[in-house]
Amino acid sequence: MDDVSDRLLEALSALESVAGEVTTDEAAARFDEPALQVFWRDWPRLGAWAGALWRRLDADLAVPSSSVSDPDIDEVGGEG
């Protein structure tokens, strides 16, 4: 896995951990003002990027898989 993939997985894990520790109401009340301001400033761009990636993956996964048509792979059995 390359560095960008590792960083994304780490960021998602950290965000999931925070989301598991506090509700949104608790976060709004407990996070300090700079953290809330950075979230408010950056989330629309990050949320749009994440949404676009999710839609792309969803569209890719919605396409049914196709069968392999390689005669070297399509073995139906061997001789006893």
C-alpha atoms as a PDB file:
ATOM      1  CA  MET A   1       0.000   0.000   0.000  1.00  0.00           C
ATOM      2  CA  ASP A   2       1.377   3.393  -0.850  1.00  0.00           C
ATOM      3  CA  ASP A   3       1.754   6.344   1.510  1.00  0.00           C
ATOM      4  CA  VAL A   4      -1.430   8.113   0.383  1.00  0.00           C
ATOM      5  CA  SER A   5      -3.522   5.013   1.035  1.00  0.00           C
ATOM      6  CA  ASP A   6      -1.934   4.559   4.456  1.00  0.00           C
ATOM      7  CA  ARG A   7      -2.588   8.194   5.358  1.00  0.00           C
ATOM      8  CA  LEU A   8      -6.237   7.934   4.288  1.00  0.00           C
ATOM      9  CA  LEU A   9      -6.749   4.792   6.373  1.00  0.00           C
ATOM     10  CA  GLU A  10      -5.108   6.446   9.396  1.00  0.00           C
ATOM     11  CA  ALA A  11      -7.260   9.577   8.999  1.00  0.00           C
ATOM     12  CA  LEU A  12     -10.460   7.548   8.697  1.00  0.00           C
ATOM     13  CA  SER A  13      -9.513   5.480  11.723  1.00  0.00           C
ATOM     14  CA  ALA A  14      -8.819   8.628  13.766  1.00  0.00           C
ATOM     15  CA  LEU A  15     -12.113  10.246  12.688  1.00  0.00           C
ATOM     16  CA  GLU A  16     -14.036   7.064  13.458  1.00  0.00           C
ATOM     17  CA  SER A  17     -12.421   6.945  16.899  1.00  0.00           C
ATOM     18  CA  VAL A  18     -13.464  10.532  17.668  1.00  0.00           C
ATOM     19  CA  ALA A  19     -16.985   9.903  16.361  1.00  0.00           C
ATOM     20  CA  GLY A  20     -17.216   6.856  18.607  1.00  0.00           C
ATOM     21  CA  GLU A  21     -16.147   8.823  21.690  1.00  0.00           C
ATOM     22  CA  VAL A  22     -18.488  11.812  21.458  1.00  0.00           C
ATOM     23  CA  THR A  23     -21.873  12.558  19.955  1.00  0.00           C
ATOM     24  CA  THR A  24     -22.223  15.532  17.635  1.00  0.00           C
ATOM     25  CA  ASP A  25     -23.880  17.521  20.427  1.00  0.00           C
ATOM     26  CA  GLU A  26     -21.004  16.697  22.785  1.00  0.00           C
ATOM     27  CA  ALA A  27     -18.454  17.605  20.119  1.00  0.00           C
ATOM     28  CA  ALA A  28     -20.073  21.002  19.536  1.00  0.00           C
ATOM     29  CA  ALA A  29     -19.996  21.667  23.284  1.00  0.00           C
ATOM     30  CA  ARG A  30     -16.581  20.170  24.146  1.00  0.00           C
ATOM     31  CA  PHE A  31     -14.280  20.902  21.206  1.00  0.00           C
ATOM     32  CA  ASP A  32     -12.312  24.100  21.487  1.00  0.00           C
ATOM     33  CA  GLU A  33     -13.122  27.029  19.233  1.00  0.00           C
ATOM     34  CA  PRO A  34     -10.108  26.603  16.881  1.00  0.00           C
ATOM     35  CA  ALA A  35     -10.992  22.944  16.255  1.00  0.00           C
ATOM     36  CA  LEU A  36     -14.607  23.826  15.506  1.00  0.00           C
ATOM     37  CA  GLN A  37     -13.589  26.680  13.197  1.00  0.00           C
ATOM     38  CA  VAL A  38     -11.176  24.463  11.230  1.00  0.00           C
ATOM     39  CA  PHE A  39     -13.840  21.771  10.934  1.00  0.00           C
ATOM     40  CA  TRP A  40     -16.428  24.341   9.791  1.00  0.00           C
ATOM     41  CA  ARG A  41     -13.976  25.822   7.276  1.00  0.00           C
ATOM     42  CA  ASP A  42     -12.582  22.579   5.837  1.00  0.00           C
ATOM     43  CA  TRP A  43     -15.440  20.080   5.991  1.00  0.00           C
ATOM     44  CA  PRO A  44     -17.413  21.303   2.937  1.00  0.00           C
ATOM     45  CA  ARG A  45     -14.416  20.704   0.663  1.00  0.00           C
ATOM     46  CA  LEU A  46     -13.437  17.435   2.349  1.00  0.00           C
ATOM     47  CA  GLY A  47     -17.034  16.229   2.485  1.00  0.00           C
ATOM     48  CA  ALA A  48     -17.499  16.973  -1.216  1.00  0.00           C
ATOM     49  CA  TRP A  49     -14.296  15.086  -2.070  1.00  0.00           C
ATOM     50  CA  ALA A  50     -15.294  12.107   0.096  1.00  0.00           C
ATOM     51  CA  GLY A  51     -18.808  12.113  -1.387  1.00  0.00           C
ATOM     52  CA  ALA A  52     -17.445  12.151  -4.936  1.00  0.00           C
ATOM     53  CA  LEU A  53     -15.099   9.252  -4.147  1.00  0.00           C
ATOM     54  CA  TRP A  54     -17.926   7.298  -2.511  1.00  0.00           C
ATOM     55  CA  ARG A  55     -20.207   7.853  -5.549  1.00  0.00           C
ATOM     56  CA  ARG A  56     -17.401   6.745  -7.908  1.00  0.00           C
ATOM     57  CA  LEU A  57     -16.788   3.552  -5.942  1.00  0.00           C
ATOM     58  CA  ASP A  58     -20.521   2.906  -5.645  1.00  0.00           C
ATOM     59  CA  ALA A  59     -20.913   3.234  -9.419  1.00  0.00           C
ATOM     60  CA  ASP A  60     -17.920   0.950 -10.038  1.00  0.00           C
ATOM     61  CA  LEU A  61     -19.304  -1.686  -7.676  1.00  0.00           C
ATOM     62  CA  ALA A  62     -22.813  -1.454  -9.149  1.00  0.00           C
ATOM     63  CA  VAL A  63     -21.627  -2.910 -12.464  1.00  0.00           C
ATOM     64  CA  PRO A  64     -22.037  -6.687 -12.493  1.00  0.00           C
ATOM     65  CA  SER A  65     -18.833  -8.638 -12.829  1.00  0.00           C
ATOM     66  CA  SER A  66     -18.130 -10.303 -16.131  1.00  0.00           C
ATOM     67  CA  SER A  67     -17.025 -13.852 -16.627  1.00  0.00           C
ATOM     68  CA  VAL A  68     -13.487 -14.663 -17.613  1.00  0.00           C
ATOM     69  CA  SER A  69     -13.176 -15.968 -21.149  1.00  0.00           C
ATOM     70  CA  ASP A  70      -9.607 -17.232 -21.165  1.00  0.00           C
ATOM     71  CA  PRO A  71      -9.428 -20.786 -22.546  1.00  0.00           C
ATOM     72  CA  ASP A  72      -6.276 -21.476 -20.519  1.00  0.00           C
ATOM     73  CA  ILE A  73      -8.157 -20.741 -17.319  1.00  0.00           C
ATOM     74  CA  ASP A  74     -11.457 -22.424 -18.239  1.00  0.00           C
ATOM     75  CA  GLU A  75     -10.659 -25.989 -17.249  1.00  0.00           C
ATOM     76  CA  VAL A  76     -13.620 -28.271 -16.779  1.00  0.00           C
ATOM     77  CA  GLY A  77     -11.792 -31.146 -15.186  1.00  0.00           C
ATOM     78  CA  GLY A  78      -8.985 -33.488 -15.799  1.00  0.00           C
ATOM     79  CA  GLU A  79      -8.530 -37.042 -16.800  1.00  0.00           C
ATOM     80  CA  GLY A  80      -8.584 -39.564 -13.966  1.00  0.00           C
END
